[in-house]
Amino acid sequence: MSTSAMAQNIAVIAGSIEDGFFNLIKKGVDDATLM
């Protein structure tokens, strides 16, 4: 039961912090993170 209930941890790797395109990617990631 403990194994099946373990949290799944994921990393999302993205482009440059200077690249505004990835602000839109992050909006999607942030919304999915709520789930």
ModelCIF file with pLDDT and N, C-alpha, C, O atoms, coordinates in Angstrom:
data_MODEL
#
_entry.id   MODEL 
#
_entity.id                         1 
_entity.type                       polymer 
_entity.pdbx_number_of_molecules   1 
#
_entity_poly.entity_id                      1 
_entity_poly.type                           'polypeptide(L)' 
_entity_poly.nstd_linkage                   no 
_entity_poly.nstd_monomer                   no 
_entity_poly.pdbx_seq_one_letter_code       MSTSAMAQNIAVIAGSIEDGFFNLIKKGVDDATLM 
_entity_poly.pdbx_seq_one_letter_code_can   MSTSAMAQNIAVIAGSIEDGFFNLIKKGVDDATLM 
_entity_poly.pdbx_strand_id                 A 
#
loop_
_entity_poly_seq.entity_id 
_entity_poly_seq.num 
_entity_poly_seq.mon_id 
_entity_poly_seq.hetero 
1 1  MET n 
1 2  SER n 
1 3  THR n 
1 4  SER n 
1 5  ALA n 
1 6  MET n 
1 7  ALA n 
1 8  GLN n 
1 9  ASN n 
1 10 ILE n 
1 11 ALA n 
1 12 VAL n 
1 13 ILE n 
1 14 ALA n 
1 15 GLY n 
1 16 SER n 
1 17 ILE n 
1 18 GLU n 
1 19 ASP n 
1 20 GLY n 
1 21 PHE n 
1 22 PHE n 
1 23 ASN n 
1 24 LEU n 
1 25 ILE n 
1 26 LYS n 
1 27 LYS n 
1 28 GLY n 
1 29 VAL n 
1 30 ASP n 
1 31 ASP n 
1 32 ALA n 
1 33 THR n 
1 34 LEU n 
1 35 MET n 
#
_struct_asym.id          A 
_struct_asym.entity_id   1 
#
loop_
_ma_qa_metric.id 
_ma_qa_metric.mode 
_ma_qa_metric.name 
_ma_qa_metric.software_group_id 
_ma_qa_metric.type 
1 global pLDDT . pLDDT 
2 local  pLDDT . pLDDT 
#
_ma_qa_metric_global.metric_id      1 
_ma_qa_metric_global.metric_value   84.46 
_ma_qa_metric_global.model_id       1 
_ma_qa_metric_global.ordinal_id     1 
#
loop_
_ma_qa_metric_local.label_asym_id 
_ma_qa_metric_local.label_comp_id 
_ma_qa_metric_local.label_seq_id 
_ma_qa_metric_local.metric_id 
_ma_qa_metric_local.metric_value 
_ma_qa_metric_local.model_id 
_ma_qa_metric_local.ordinal_id 
A MET 1  2 36.00 1 1  
A SER 2  2 35.00 1 2  
A THR 3  2 37.00 1 3  
A SER 4  2 41.00 1 4  
A ALA 5  2 46.00 1 5  
A MET 6  2 61.00 1 6  
A ALA 7  2 69.00 1 7  
A GLN 8  2 92.00 1 8  
A ASN 9  2 97.00 1 9  
A ILE 10 2 98.00 1 10 
A ALA 11 2 98.00 1 11 
A VAL 12 2 98.00 1 12 
A ILE 13 2 98.00 1 13 
A ALA 14 2 97.00 1 14 
A GLY 15 2 94.00 1 15 
A SER 16 2 92.00 1 16 
A ILE 17 2 87.00 1 17 
A GLU 18 2 84.00 1 18 
A ASP 19 2 86.00 1 19 
A GLY 20 2 83.00 1 20 
A PHE 21 2 87.00 1 21 
A PHE 22 2 92.00 1 22 
A ASN 23 2 90.00 1 23 
A LEU 24 2 92.00 1 24 
A ILE 25 2 95.00 1 25 
A LYS 26 2 96.00 1 26 
A LYS 27 2 95.00 1 27 
A GLY 28 2 97.00 1 28 
A VAL 29 2 98.00 1 29 
A ASP 30 2 97.00 1 30 
A ASP 31 2 97.00 1 31 
A ALA 32 2 98.00 1 32 
A THR 33 2 98.00 1 33 
A LEU 34 2 98.00 1 34 
A MET 35 2 97.00 1 35 
#
loop_
_atom_site.group_PDB 
_atom_site.id 
_atom_site.type_symbol 
_atom_site.label_atom_id 
_atom_site.label_alt_id 
_atom_site.label_comp_id 
_atom_site.label_asym_id 
_atom_site.label_entity_id 
_atom_site.label_seq_id 
_atom_site.pdbx_PDB_ins_code 
_atom_site.Cartn_x 
_atom_site.Cartn_y 
_atom_site.Cartn_z 
_atom_site.occupancy 
_atom_site.B_iso_or_equiv 
_atom_site.pdbx_formal_charge 
_atom_site.auth_seq_id 
_atom_site.auth_comp_id 
_atom_site.auth_asym_id 
_atom_site.auth_atom_id 
_atom_site.pdbx_PDB_model_num 
ATOM 1   N N  . MET A 1 1  ? 0.830  -1.199 0.000   1.00 36.00 ? 1  MET A N  1 
ATOM 2   C CA . MET A 1 1  ? 0.000  0.000  0.000   1.00 36.00 ? 1  MET A CA 1 
ATOM 3   C C  . MET A 1 1  ? 0.868  1.253  0.000   1.00 36.00 ? 1  MET A C  1 
ATOM 4   O O  . MET A 1 1  ? 0.568  2.241  -0.671  1.00 36.00 ? 1  MET A O  1 
ATOM 5   N N  . SER A 1 2  ? 1.941  1.187  0.764   1.00 35.00 ? 2  SER A N  1 
ATOM 6   C CA . SER A 1 2  ? 2.835  2.338  0.825   1.00 35.00 ? 2  SER A CA 1 
ATOM 7   C C  . SER A 1 2  ? 3.472  2.600  -0.527  1.00 35.00 ? 2  SER A C  1 
ATOM 8   O O  . SER A 1 2  ? 3.609  3.752  -0.939  1.00 35.00 ? 2  SER A O  1 
ATOM 9   N N  . THR A 1 3  ? 3.875  1.501  -1.241  1.00 37.00 ? 3  THR A N  1 
ATOM 10  C CA . THR A 1 3  ? 4.507  1.651  -2.546  1.00 37.00 ? 3  THR A CA 1 
ATOM 11  C C  . THR A 1 3  ? 3.544  2.242  -3.551  1.00 37.00 ? 3  THR A C  1 
ATOM 12  O O  . THR A 1 3  ? 3.915  3.143  -4.304  1.00 37.00 ? 3  THR A O  1 
ATOM 13  N N  . SER A 1 4  ? 2.291  1.746  -3.578  1.00 41.00 ? 4  SER A N  1 
ATOM 14  C CA . SER A 1 4  ? 1.335  2.224  -4.560  1.00 41.00 ? 4  SER A CA 1 
ATOM 15  C C  . SER A 1 4  ? 0.915  3.658  -4.275  1.00 41.00 ? 4  SER A C  1 
ATOM 16  O O  . SER A 1 4  ? 0.462  4.371  -5.170  1.00 41.00 ? 4  SER A O  1 
ATOM 17  N N  . ALA A 1 5  ? 1.066  4.072  -3.032  1.00 46.00 ? 5  ALA A N  1 
ATOM 18  C CA . ALA A 1 5  ? 0.645  5.424  -2.669  1.00 46.00 ? 5  ALA A CA 1 
ATOM 19  C C  . ALA A 1 5  ? 1.787  6.434  -2.732  1.00 46.00 ? 5  ALA A C  1 
ATOM 20  O O  . ALA A 1 5  ? 1.600  7.618  -2.452  1.00 46.00 ? 5  ALA A O  1 
ATOM 21  N N  . MET A 1 6  ? 2.986  5.946  -3.106  1.00 61.00 ? 6  MET A N  1 
ATOM 22  C CA . MET A 1 6  ? 4.141  6.840  -3.135  1.00 61.00 ? 6  MET A CA 1 
ATOM 23  C C  . MET A 1 6  ? 3.932  7.952  -4.142  1.00 61.00 ? 6  MET A C  1 
ATOM 24  O O  . MET A 1 6  ? 3.307  7.754  -5.184  1.00 61.00 ? 6  MET A O  1 
ATOM 25  N N  . ALA A 1 7  ? 4.456  9.111  -3.826  1.00 69.00 ? 7  ALA A N  1 
ATOM 26  C CA . ALA A 1 7  ? 4.349  10.240 -4.737  1.00 69.00 ? 7  ALA A CA 1 
ATOM 27  C C  . ALA A 1 7  ? 5.245  10.021 -5.947  1.00 69.00 ? 7  ALA A C  1 
ATOM 28  O O  . ALA A 1 7  ? 6.349  9.491  -5.822  1.00 69.00 ? 7  ALA A O  1 
ATOM 29  N N  . GLN A 1 8  ? 4.766  10.431 -7.121  1.00 92.00 ? 8  GLN A N  1 
ATOM 30  C CA . GLN A 1 8  ? 5.580  10.416 -8.324  1.00 92.00 ? 8  GLN A CA 1 
ATOM 31  C C  . GLN A 1 8  ? 6.125  11.822 -8.541  1.00 92.00 ? 8  GLN A C  1 
ATOM 32  O O  . GLN A 1 8  ? 5.367  12.788 -8.627  1.00 92.00 ? 8  GLN A O  1 
ATOM 33  N N  . ASN A 1 9  ? 7.443  11.926 -8.627  1.00 97.00 ? 9  ASN A N  1 
ATOM 34  C CA . ASN A 1 9  ? 8.088  13.224 -8.780  1.00 97.00 ? 9  ASN A CA 1 
ATOM 35  C C  . ASN A 1 9  ? 8.660  13.340 -10.184 1.00 97.00 ? 9  ASN A C  1 
ATOM 36  O O  . ASN A 1 9  ? 9.357  12.441 -10.654 1.00 97.00 ? 9  ASN A O  1 
ATOM 37  N N  . ILE A 1 10 ? 8.366  14.440 -10.845 1.00 98.00 ? 10 ILE A N  1 
ATOM 38  C CA . ILE A 1 10 ? 8.834  14.603 -12.216 1.00 98.00 ? 10 ILE A CA 1 
ATOM 39  C C  . ILE A 1 10 ? 9.569  15.928 -12.384 1.00 98.00 ? 10 ILE A C  1 
ATOM 40  O O  . ILE A 1 10 ? 9.361  16.877 -11.628 1.00 98.00 ? 10 ILE A O  1 
ATOM 41  N N  . ALA A 1 11 ? 10.425 15.964 -13.385 1.00 98.00 ? 11 ALA A N  1 
ATOM 42  C CA . ALA A 1 11 ? 11.116 17.201 -13.764 1.00 98.00 ? 11 ALA A CA 1 
ATOM 43  C C  . ALA A 1 11 ? 10.675 17.578 -15.174 1.00 98.00 ? 11 ALA A C  1 
ATOM 44  O O  . ALA A 1 11 ? 10.562 16.721 -16.050 1.00 98.00 ? 11 ALA A O  1 
ATOM 45  N N  . VAL A 1 12 ? 10.430 18.856 -15.378 1.00 98.00 ? 12 VAL A N  1 
ATOM 46  C CA . VAL A 1 12 ? 10.144 19.378 -16.708 1.00 98.00 ? 12 VAL A CA 1 
ATOM 47  C C  . VAL A 1 12 ? 11.294 20.310 -17.072 1.00 98.00 ? 12 VAL A C  1 
ATOM 48  O O  . VAL A 1 12 ? 11.512 21.331 -16.419 1.00 98.00 ? 12 VAL A O  1 
ATOM 49  N N  . ILE A 1 13 ? 12.021 19.950 -18.113 1.00 98.00 ? 13 ILE A N  1 
ATOM 50  C CA . ILE A 1 13 ? 13.179 20.734 -18.538 1.00 98.00 ? 13 ILE A CA 1 
ATOM 51  C C  . ILE A 1 13 ? 12.781 21.594 -19.730 1.00 98.00 ? 13 ILE A C  1 
ATOM 52  O O  . ILE A 1 13 ? 12.136 21.123 -20.667 1.00 98.00 ? 13 ILE A O  1 
ATOM 53  N N  . ALA A 1 14 ? 13.178 22.867 -19.677 1.00 97.00 ? 14 ALA A N  1 
ATOM 54  C CA . ALA A 1 14 ? 12.728 23.820 -20.692 1.00 97.00 ? 14 ALA A CA 1 
ATOM 55  C C  . ALA A 1 14 ? 13.873 24.715 -21.140 1.00 97.00 ? 14 ALA A C  1 
ATOM 56  O O  . ALA A 1 14 ? 15.006 24.585 -20.675 1.00 97.00 ? 14 ALA A O  1 
ATOM 57  N N  . GLY A 1 15 ? 13.550 25.632 -22.062 1.00 94.00 ? 15 GLY A N  1 
ATOM 58  C CA . GLY A 1 15 ? 14.552 26.514 -22.637 1.00 94.00 ? 15 GLY A CA 1 
ATOM 59  C C  . GLY A 1 15 ? 14.909 27.680 -21.731 1.00 94.00 ? 15 GLY A C  1 
ATOM 60  O O  . GLY A 1 15 ? 14.563 27.705 -20.550 1.00 94.00 ? 15 GLY A O  1 
ATOM 61  N N  . SER A 1 16 ? 15.603 28.632 -22.308 1.00 92.00 ? 16 SER A N  1 
ATOM 62  C CA . SER A 1 16 ? 16.235 29.718 -21.563 1.00 92.00 ? 16 SER A CA 1 
ATOM 63  C C  . SER A 1 16 ? 15.251 30.543 -20.742 1.00 92.00 ? 16 SER A C  1 
ATOM 64  O O  . SER A 1 16 ? 14.110 30.769 -21.146 1.00 92.00 ? 16 SER A O  1 
ATOM 65  N N  . ILE A 1 17 ? 15.718 30.982 -19.591 1.00 87.00 ? 17 ILE A N  1 
ATOM 66  C CA . ILE A 1 17 ? 14.938 31.882 -18.750 1.00 87.00 ? 17 ILE A CA 1 
ATOM 67  C C  . ILE A 1 17 ? 14.745 33.232 -19.439 1.00 87.00 ? 17 ILE A C  1 
ATOM 68  O O  . ILE A 1 17 ? 13.907 34.030 -19.019 1.00 87.00 ? 17 ILE A O  1 
ATOM 69  N N  . GLU A 1 18 ? 15.518 33.488 -20.497 1.00 84.00 ? 18 GLU A N  1 
ATOM 70  C CA . GLU A 1 18 ? 15.391 34.732 -21.249 1.00 84.00 ? 18 GLU A CA 1 
ATOM 71  C C  . GLU A 1 18 ? 14.434 34.601 -22.430 1.00 84.00 ? 18 GLU A C  1 
ATOM 72  O O  . GLU A 1 18 ? 14.185 35.577 -23.138 1.00 84.00 ? 18 GLU A O  1 
ATOM 73  N N  . ASP A 1 19 ? 13.905 33.415 -22.643 1.00 86.00 ? 19 ASP A N  1 
ATOM 74  C CA . ASP A 1 19 ? 13.062 33.120 -23.802 1.00 86.00 ? 19 ASP A CA 1 
ATOM 75  C C  . ASP A 1 19 ? 11.590 33.199 -23.407 1.00 86.00 ? 19 ASP A C  1 
ATOM 76  O O  . ASP A 1 19 ? 11.094 32.333 -22.687 1.00 86.00 ? 19 ASP A O  1 
ATOM 77  N N  . GLY A 1 20 ? 10.888 34.237 -23.877 1.00 83.00 ? 20 GLY A N  1 
ATOM 78  C CA . GLY A 1 20 ? 9.497  34.452 -23.496 1.00 83.00 ? 20 GLY A CA 1 
ATOM 79  C C  . GLY A 1 20 ? 8.568  33.343 -23.937 1.00 83.00 ? 20 GLY A C  1 
ATOM 80  O O  . GLY A 1 20 ? 7.513  33.156 -23.331 1.00 83.00 ? 20 GLY A O  1 
ATOM 81  N N  . PHE A 1 21 ? 8.928  32.592 -24.984 1.00 87.00 ? 21 PHE A N  1 
ATOM 82  C CA . PHE A 1 21 ? 8.103  31.475 -25.440 1.00 87.00 ? 21 PHE A CA 1 
ATOM 83  C C  . PHE A 1 21 ? 7.826  30.495 -24.299 1.00 87.00 ? 21 PHE A C  1 
ATOM 84  O O  . PHE A 1 21 ? 6.738  29.930 -24.188 1.00 87.00 ? 21 PHE A O  1 
ATOM 85  N N  . PHE A 1 22 ? 8.843  30.312 -23.458 1.00 92.00 ? 22 PHE A N  1 
ATOM 86  C CA . PHE A 1 22 ? 8.703  29.317 -22.400 1.00 92.00 ? 22 PHE A CA 1 
ATOM 87  C C  . PHE A 1 22 ? 7.878  29.810 -21.219 1.00 92.00 ? 22 PHE A C  1 
ATOM 88  O O  . PHE A 1 22 ? 7.591  29.039 -20.304 1.00 92.00 ? 22 PHE A O  1 
ATOM 89  N N  . ASN A 1 23 ? 7.495  31.075 -21.224 1.00 90.00 ? 23 ASN A N  1 
ATOM 90  C CA . ASN A 1 23 ? 6.511  31.523 -20.236 1.00 90.00 ? 23 ASN A CA 1 
ATOM 91  C C  . ASN A 1 23 ? 5.152  30.887 -20.526 1.00 90.00 ? 23 ASN A C  1 
ATOM 92  O O  . ASN A 1 23 ? 4.381  30.611 -19.608 1.00 90.00 ? 23 ASN A O  1 
ATOM 93  N N  . LEU A 1 24 ? 4.864  30.657 -21.814 1.00 92.00 ? 24 LEU A N  1 
ATOM 94  C CA . LEU A 1 24 ? 3.614  30.003 -22.196 1.00 92.00 ? 24 LEU A CA 1 
ATOM 95  C C  . LEU A 1 24 ? 3.675  28.504 -21.883 1.00 92.00 ? 24 LEU A C  1 
ATOM 96  O O  . LEU A 1 24 ? 2.688  27.913 -21.444 1.00 92.00 ? 24 LEU A O  1 
ATOM 97  N N  . ILE A 1 25 ? 4.842  27.899 -22.112 1.00 95.00 ? 25 ILE A N  1 
ATOM 98  C CA . ILE A 1 25 ? 5.037  26.509 -21.694 1.00 95.00 ? 25 ILE A CA 1 
ATOM 99  C C  . ILE A 1 25 ? 4.806  26.401 -20.189 1.00 95.00 ? 25 ILE A C  1 
ATOM 100 O O  . ILE A 1 25 ? 4.118  25.495 -19.719 1.00 95.00 ? 25 ILE A O  1 
ATOM 101 N N  . LYS A 1 26 ? 5.386  27.331 -19.443 1.00 96.00 ? 26 LYS A N  1 
ATOM 102 C CA . LYS A 1 26 ? 5.296  27.281 -17.978 1.00 96.00 ? 26 LYS A CA 1 
ATOM 103 C C  . LYS A 1 26 ? 3.861  27.459 -17.492 1.00 96.00 ? 26 LYS A C  1 
ATOM 104 O O  . LYS A 1 26 ? 3.470  26.862 -16.490 1.00 96.00 ? 26 LYS A O  1 
ATOM 105 N N  . LYS A 1 27 ? 3.079  28.269 -18.189 1.00 95.00 ? 27 LYS A N  1 
ATOM 106 C CA . LYS A 1 27 ? 1.668  28.414 -17.830 1.00 95.00 ? 27 LYS A CA 1 
ATOM 107 C C  . LYS A 1 27 ? 0.978  27.052 -17.890 1.00 95.00 ? 27 LYS A C  1 
ATOM 108 O O  . LYS A 1 27 ? 0.199  26.703 -17.003 1.00 95.00 ? 27 LYS A O  1 
ATOM 109 N N  . GLY A 1 28 ? 1.269  26.289 -18.940 1.00 97.00 ? 28 GLY A N  1 
ATOM 110 C CA . GLY A 1 28 ? 0.705  24.943 -19.046 1.00 97.00 ? 28 GLY A CA 1 
ATOM 111 C C  . GLY A 1 28 ? 1.229  24.014 -17.972 1.00 97.00 ? 28 GLY A C  1 
ATOM 112 O O  . GLY A 1 28 ? 0.475  23.228 -17.398 1.00 97.00 ? 28 GLY A O  1 
ATOM 113 N N  . VAL A 1 29 ? 2.539  24.106 -17.698 1.00 98.00 ? 29 VAL A N  1 
ATOM 114 C CA . VAL A 1 29 ? 3.140  23.272 -16.650 1.00 98.00 ? 29 VAL A CA 1 
ATOM 115 C C  . VAL A 1 29 ? 2.540  23.621 -15.291 1.00 98.00 ? 29 VAL A C  1 
ATOM 116 O O  . VAL A 1 29 ? 2.218  22.732 -14.502 1.00 98.00 ? 29 VAL A O  1 
ATOM 117 N N  . ASP A 1 30 ? 2.393  24.901 -15.024 1.00 97.00 ? 30 ASP A N  1 
ATOM 118 C CA . ASP A 1 30 ? 1.839  25.329 -13.729 1.00 97.00 ? 30 ASP A CA 1 
ATOM 119 C C  . ASP A 1 30 ? 0.417  24.827 -13.538 1.00 97.00 ? 30 ASP A C  1 
ATOM 120 O O  . ASP A 1 30 ? 0.058  24.373 -12.452 1.00 97.00 ? 30 ASP A O  1 
ATOM 121 N N  . ASP A 1 31 ? -0.394 24.904 -14.589 1.00 97.00 ? 31 ASP A N  1 
ATOM 122 C CA . ASP A 1 31 ? -1.776 24.425 -14.474 1.00 97.00 ? 31 ASP A CA 1 
ATOM 123 C C  . ASP A 1 31 ? -1.813 22.910 -14.262 1.00 97.00 ? 31 ASP A C  1 
ATOM 124 O O  . ASP A 1 31 ? -2.616 22.408 -13.476 1.00 97.00 ? 31 ASP A O  1 
ATOM 125 N N  . ALA A 1 32 ? -0.942 22.187 -14.968 1.00 98.00 ? 32 ALA A N  1 
ATOM 126 C CA . ALA A 1 32 ? -0.885 20.737 -14.789 1.00 98.00 ? 32 ALA A CA 1 
ATOM 127 C C  . ALA A 1 32 ? -0.359 20.370 -13.405 1.00 98.00 ? 32 ALA A C  1 
ATOM 128 O O  . ALA A 1 32 ? -0.747 19.346 -12.843 1.00 98.00 ? 32 ALA A O  1 
ATOM 129 N N  . THR A 1 33 ? 0.519  21.199 -12.860 1.00 98.00 ? 33 THR A N  1 
ATOM 130 C CA . THR A 1 33 ? 1.090  20.934 -11.537 1.00 98.00 ? 33 THR A CA 1 
ATOM 131 C C  . THR A 1 33 ? 0.008  20.896 -10.460 1.00 98.00 ? 33 THR A C  1 
ATOM 132 O O  . THR A 1 33 ? 0.141  20.173 -9.472  1.00 98.00 ? 33 THR A O  1 
ATOM 133 N N  . LEU A 1 34 ? -1.042 21.656 -10.642 1.00 98.00 ? 34 LEU A N  1 
ATOM 134 C CA . LEU A 1 34 ? -2.149 21.630 -9.676  1.00 98.00 ? 34 LEU A CA 1 
ATOM 135 C C  . LEU A 1 34 ? -2.733 20.220 -9.577  1.00 98.00 ? 34 LEU A C  1 
ATOM 136 O O  . LEU A 1 34 ? -3.043 19.741 -8.486  1.00 98.00 ? 34 LEU A O  1 
ATOM 137 N N  . MET A 1 35 ? -2.879 19.566 -10.721 1.00 97.00 ? 35 MET A N  1 
ATOM 138 C CA . MET A 1 35 ? -3.377 18.190 -10.728 1.00 97.00 ? 35 MET A CA 1 
ATOM 139 C C  . MET A 1 35 ? -2.361 17.236 -10.125 1.00 97.00 ? 35 MET A C  1 
ATOM 140 O O  . MET A 1 35 ? -2.613 16.033 -10.049 1.00 97.00 ? 35 MET A O  1 
#
